[in-house]
C-alpha atoms as a PDB file:
ATOM      1  CA  UNK A   1       0.079   0.228   0.038  1.00  0.00           C
ATOM      2  CA  UNK A   2       3.360   2.328  -0.549  1.00  0.00           C
ATOM      3  CA  UNK A   3       2.522   5.645  -1.785  1.00  0.00           C
ATOM      4  CA  UNK A   4      -0.986   6.467  -0.648  1.00  0.00           C
ATOM      5  CA  UNK A   5      -2.814   7.221   2.762  1.00  0.00           C
ATOM      6  CA  UNK A   6      -5.633   5.028   3.851  1.00  0.00           C
ATOM      7  CA  UNK A   7      -8.356   7.522   4.416  1.00  0.00           C
ATOM      8  CA  UNK A   8      -9.924   6.694   7.958  1.00  0.00           C
ATOM      9  CA  UNK A   9     -12.123   9.297   8.512  1.00  0.00           C
ATOM     10  CA  UNK A  10     -12.472  13.245  10.016  1.00  0.00           C
ATOM     11  CA  UNK A  11     -13.248  14.288  13.754  1.00  0.00           C
ATOM     12  CA  UNK A  12     -14.678  17.479  13.388  1.00  0.00           C
ATOM     13  CA  UNK A  13     -16.383  20.033  16.078  1.00  0.00           C
ATOM     14  CA  UNK A  14     -16.754  23.131  16.714  1.00  0.00           C
ATOM     15  CA  UNK A  15     -12.861  24.315  17.568  1.00  0.00           C
ATOM     16  CA  UNK A  16     -11.316  22.157  15.036  1.00  0.00           C
ATOM     17  CA  UNK A  17     -11.583  19.563  11.555  1.00  0.00           C
ATOM     18  CA  UNK A  18      -9.189  16.839  11.326  1.00  0.00           C
ATOM     19  CA  UNK A  19      -8.493  14.556   8.223  1.00  0.00           C
ATOM     20  CA  UNK A  20      -7.272  11.055   9.591  1.00  0.00           C
ATOM     21  CA  UNK A  21      -5.409   8.814   7.337  1.00  0.00           C
ATOM     22  CA  UNK A  22      -2.505   5.682   7.437  1.00  0.00           C
ATOM     23  CA  UNK A  23       0.131   6.689   5.243  1.00  0.00           C
ATOM     24  CA  UNK A  24       2.795   4.252   5.083  1.00  0.00           C
ATOM     25  CA  UNK A  25       5.760   6.226   3.483  1.00  0.00           C
ATOM     26  CA  UNK A  26       7.534   6.357   6.423  1.00  0.00           C
ATOM     27  CA  UNK A  27       9.849   3.419   8.623  1.00  0.00           C
ATOM     28  CA  UNK A  28       6.272   2.035   9.675  1.00  0.00           C
ATOM     29  CA  UNK A  29       2.508   2.789   9.382  1.00  0.00           C
ATOM     30  CA  UNK A  30       1.946   5.997  11.649  1.00  0.00           C
ATOM     31  CA  UNK A  31      -1.352   8.522  11.586  1.00  0.00           C
ATOM     32  CA  UNK A  32      -1.798  11.265   9.205  1.00  0.00           C
ATOM     33  CA  UNK A  33      -3.314  13.674  11.194  1.00  0.00           C
ATOM     34  CA  UNK A  34      -4.149  16.990   8.295  1.00  0.00           C
ATOM     35  CA  UNK A  35      -5.520  20.906   9.886  1.00  0.00           C
ATOM     36  CA  UNK A  36      -8.886  21.154   7.693  1.00  0.00           C
ATOM     37  CA  UNK A  37      -8.990  25.214   7.654  1.00  0.00           C
ATOM     38  CA  UNK A  38      -5.264  25.116   7.465  1.00  0.00           C
ATOM     39  CA  UNK A  39      -3.729  22.141   5.743  1.00  0.00           C
ATOM     40  CA  UNK A  40      -0.822  21.636   8.027  1.00  0.00           C
ATOM     41  CA  UNK A  41      -0.290  18.032   8.275  1.00  0.00           C
ATOM     42  CA  UNK A  42       1.267  15.961  11.087  1.00  0.00           C
ATOM     43  CA  UNK A  43       2.482  12.302  11.724  1.00  0.00           C
ATOM     44  CA  UNK A  44       1.807  10.564  14.556  1.00  0.00           C
ATOM     45  CA  UNK A  45       3.492   6.745  15.423  1.00  0.00           C
ATOM     46  CA  UNK A  46       2.478   3.778  17.463  1.00  0.00           C
ATOM     47  CA  UNK A  47       3.884   4.931  20.555  1.00  0.00           C
ATOM     48  CA  UNK A  48       3.166   8.363  20.447  1.00  0.00           C
ATOM     49  CA  UNK A  49      -0.329   7.129  19.780  1.00  0.00           C
ATOM     50  CA  UNK A  50       0.166   4.874  22.775  1.00  0.00           C
ATOM     51  CA  UNK A  51       1.230   7.591  25.062  1.00  0.00           C
ATOM     52  CA  UNK A  52      -1.902   9.455  23.964  1.00  0.00           C
ATOM     53  CA  UNK A  53      -3.884   7.309  25.184  1.00  0.00           C
ATOM     54  CA  UNK A  54      -1.958   6.081  28.694  1.00  0.00           C
ATOM     55  CA  UNK A  55      -1.988   9.955  29.223  1.00  0.00           C
ATOM     56  CA  UNK A  56      -3.945  10.866  32.491  1.00  0.00           C
ATOM     57  CA  UNK A  57      -6.971  13.283  32.284  1.00  0.00           C
ATOM     58  CA  UNK A  58      -6.558  17.220  31.729  1.00  0.00           C
ATOM     59  CA  UNK A  59      -2.516  16.487  30.874  1.00  0.00           C
ATOM     60  CA  UNK A  60      -2.935  17.685  27.137  1.00  0.00           C
ATOM     61  CA  UNK A  61      -4.743  20.867  28.389  1.00  0.00           C
ATOM     62  CA  UNK A  62      -1.718  23.797  28.151  1.00  0.00           C
ATOM     63  CA  UNK A  63      -1.271  22.052  24.784  1.00  0.00           C
ATOM     64  CA  UNK A  64      -4.776  22.528  23.754  1.00  0.00           C
ATOM     65  CA  UNK A  65      -4.106  27.161  24.334  1.00  0.00           C
ATOM     66  CA  UNK A  66      -3.996  27.943  20.540  1.00  0.00           C
ATOM     67  CA  UNK A  67      -2.242  31.140  22.129  1.00  0.00           C
ATOM     68  CA  UNK A  68       0.395  28.726  22.754  1.00  0.00           C
ATOM     69  CA  UNK A  69       1.533  28.317  19.516  1.00  0.00           C
ATOM     70  CA  UNK A  70      -0.849  28.434  17.029  1.00  0.00           C
ATOM     71  CA  UNK A  71      -1.486  32.038  17.095  1.00  0.00           C
ATOM     72  CA  UNK A  72       1.581  32.720  17.819  1.00  0.00           C
ATOM     73  CA  UNK A  73       3.952  34.598  13.931  1.00  0.00           C
ATOM     74  CA  UNK A  74       6.141  32.504  13.838  1.00  0.00           C
ATOM     75  CA  UNK A  75       4.572  28.813  14.441  1.00  0.00           C
ATOM     76  CA  UNK A  76       6.937  27.689  16.640  1.00  0.00           C
ATOM     77  CA  UNK A  77       6.534  27.444  20.695  1.00  0.00           C
ATOM     78  CA  UNK A  78       9.586  29.739  22.209  1.00  0.00           C
ATOM     79  CA  UNK A  79      11.591  26.769  24.416  1.00  0.00           C
ATOM     80  CA  UNK A  80      10.404  28.301  27.743  1.00  0.00           C
ATOM     81  CA  UNK A  81       6.884  27.634  27.261  1.00  0.00           C
ATOM     82  CA  UNK A  82       7.766  24.226  26.847  1.00  0.00           C
ATOM     83  CA  UNK A  83       9.976  24.270  29.806  1.00  0.00           C
ATOM     84  CA  UNK A  84       6.840  25.025  31.772  1.00  0.00           C
END
């Protein structure tokens, strides 16, 4: 199946809309997540996905704040923001 992504579906809410597919271009299969608003694409491998499954409730809250990185002019997290 190399060369094309396996569509999984879309997840949409009033806050975000993403398209999910399985990408086979890397060293192994990984989840391809595309922001339907901006077209930005990210990838998560099996270890990253398993880590998400084991995170305690609220562990991602600081990353859900769009002002942390999405609304920054440079689009990059500052080192001191990552260390918080």
